[in-house]
Protein backbone atom coordinates (compact mmCIF):
# COMPACT_ATOMS: atom_id res chain seq x y z
CA LYS A 1 36.14 12.06 11.54
CA LEU A 2 35.61 15.86 11.70
CA GLN A 3 34.05 15.81 8.32
CA SER A 4 31.52 13.11 9.49
CA GLN A 5 30.94 15.27 12.71
CA LEU A 6 30.30 18.37 10.50
CA LEU A 7 27.73 16.41 8.24
CA SER A 8 26.01 15.21 11.19
CA LEU A 9 25.68 18.81 12.85
CA GLU A 10 24.72 20.25 9.38
CA LYS A 11 21.97 17.53 9.12
CA GLU A 12 20.86 18.46 12.67
CA VAL A 13 20.85 22.11 12.08
CA GLU A 14 18.67 21.50 8.89
CA GLU A 15 16.02 19.69 11.02
CA TYR A 16 15.75 22.67 13.20
CA LYS A 17 15.43 25.31 10.58
CA ASN A 18 11.61 24.31 10.36
CA PHE A 19 11.24 23.57 13.95
CA ARG A 20 7.83 24.23 15.33
CA PRO A 21 7.30 23.48 19.11
CA ASP A 22 3.52 23.18 18.59
CA ASP A 23 3.70 20.66 16.04
CA PRO A 24 1.64 17.51 17.05
CA THR A 25 4.16 15.03 15.34
CA ARG A 26 6.77 16.40 17.70
CA LYS A 27 4.59 15.40 20.80
CA THR A 28 3.82 12.06 19.12
CA LYS A 29 7.67 11.46 18.73
CA ALA A 30 8.48 12.67 22.36
CA LEU A 31 5.74 10.30 23.57
CA LEU A 32 7.06 7.35 21.62
CA GLN A 33 10.61 7.96 22.74
CA MET A 34 9.48 8.10 26.44
CA VAL A 35 7.67 4.68 25.98
CA GLN A 36 10.66 3.07 24.30
CA GLN A 37 12.97 4.51 27.18
CA PHE A 38 10.43 3.03 29.68
CA GLY A 39 10.75 -0.28 28.05
CA VAL A 40 14.52 -0.30 28.15
CA ASP A 41 14.60 0.70 31.78
CA PHE A 42 12.07 -1.85 32.69
CA GLU A 43 14.15 -4.58 30.97
CA LYS A 44 17.24 -3.55 32.65
CA CYS A 45 15.45 -3.60 36.08
CA ILE A 46 14.29 -7.21 35.56
CA GLU A 47 17.74 -8.23 34.33
CA GLY A 48 19.28 -6.43 37.37
CA SER A 49 21.67 -4.33 35.27
CA GLY A 50 19.94 -0.99 35.91
CA ASP A 51 21.50 2.08 37.45
CA GLN A 52 19.21 1.61 40.62
CA VAL A 53 20.33 -1.89 41.81
CA ASP A 54 19.52 -2.61 45.37
CA THR A 55 22.25 -4.21 47.16
CA ALA A 56 20.31 -4.62 50.46
CA GLU A 57 17.87 -7.13 49.22
CA LEU A 58 17.19 -9.10 45.84
CA SER A 59 14.80 -7.40 43.54
CA GLY A 60 14.11 -7.54 39.77
CA GLY A 61 15.46 -10.45 37.88
CA ALA A 62 17.58 -11.62 40.78
CA ARG A 63 14.45 -12.19 42.89
CA ILE A 64 12.54 -13.90 40.00
CA ASN A 65 15.53 -16.26 39.41
CA ARG A 66 15.68 -17.06 43.09
CA ILE A 67 12.10 -17.79 43.25
CA PHE A 68 12.12 -19.82 40.08
CA HIS A 69 15.05 -22.05 41.13
CA GLU A 70 14.56 -22.46 44.85
CA ARG A 71 10.70 -22.22 45.44
CA PHE A 72 9.10 -23.41 42.22
CA PRO A 73 10.52 -27.00 42.26
CA PHE A 74 9.18 -27.46 45.77
CA GLU A 75 5.69 -26.00 44.72
CA LEU A 76 5.61 -28.46 41.73
CA VAL A 77 6.25 -31.35 44.19
CA LYS A 78 3.40 -30.21 46.34
């Protein structure tokens, strides 16, 4: 286990040897990571499994589920 951690750290150190903060590819990678994280957070919110679940009222996926199962059938009948 220690050997694999050592290899992982050595690989990370190697990446930082040529580190240039003004490199445009670094900015692109950071933007891509932020967009991907936003997608993950949005999906969690819809599923109701995010870290900011409101316990006072239904939101996100719980609200969508309620509307779909309680209101939608009545709207179809209309």
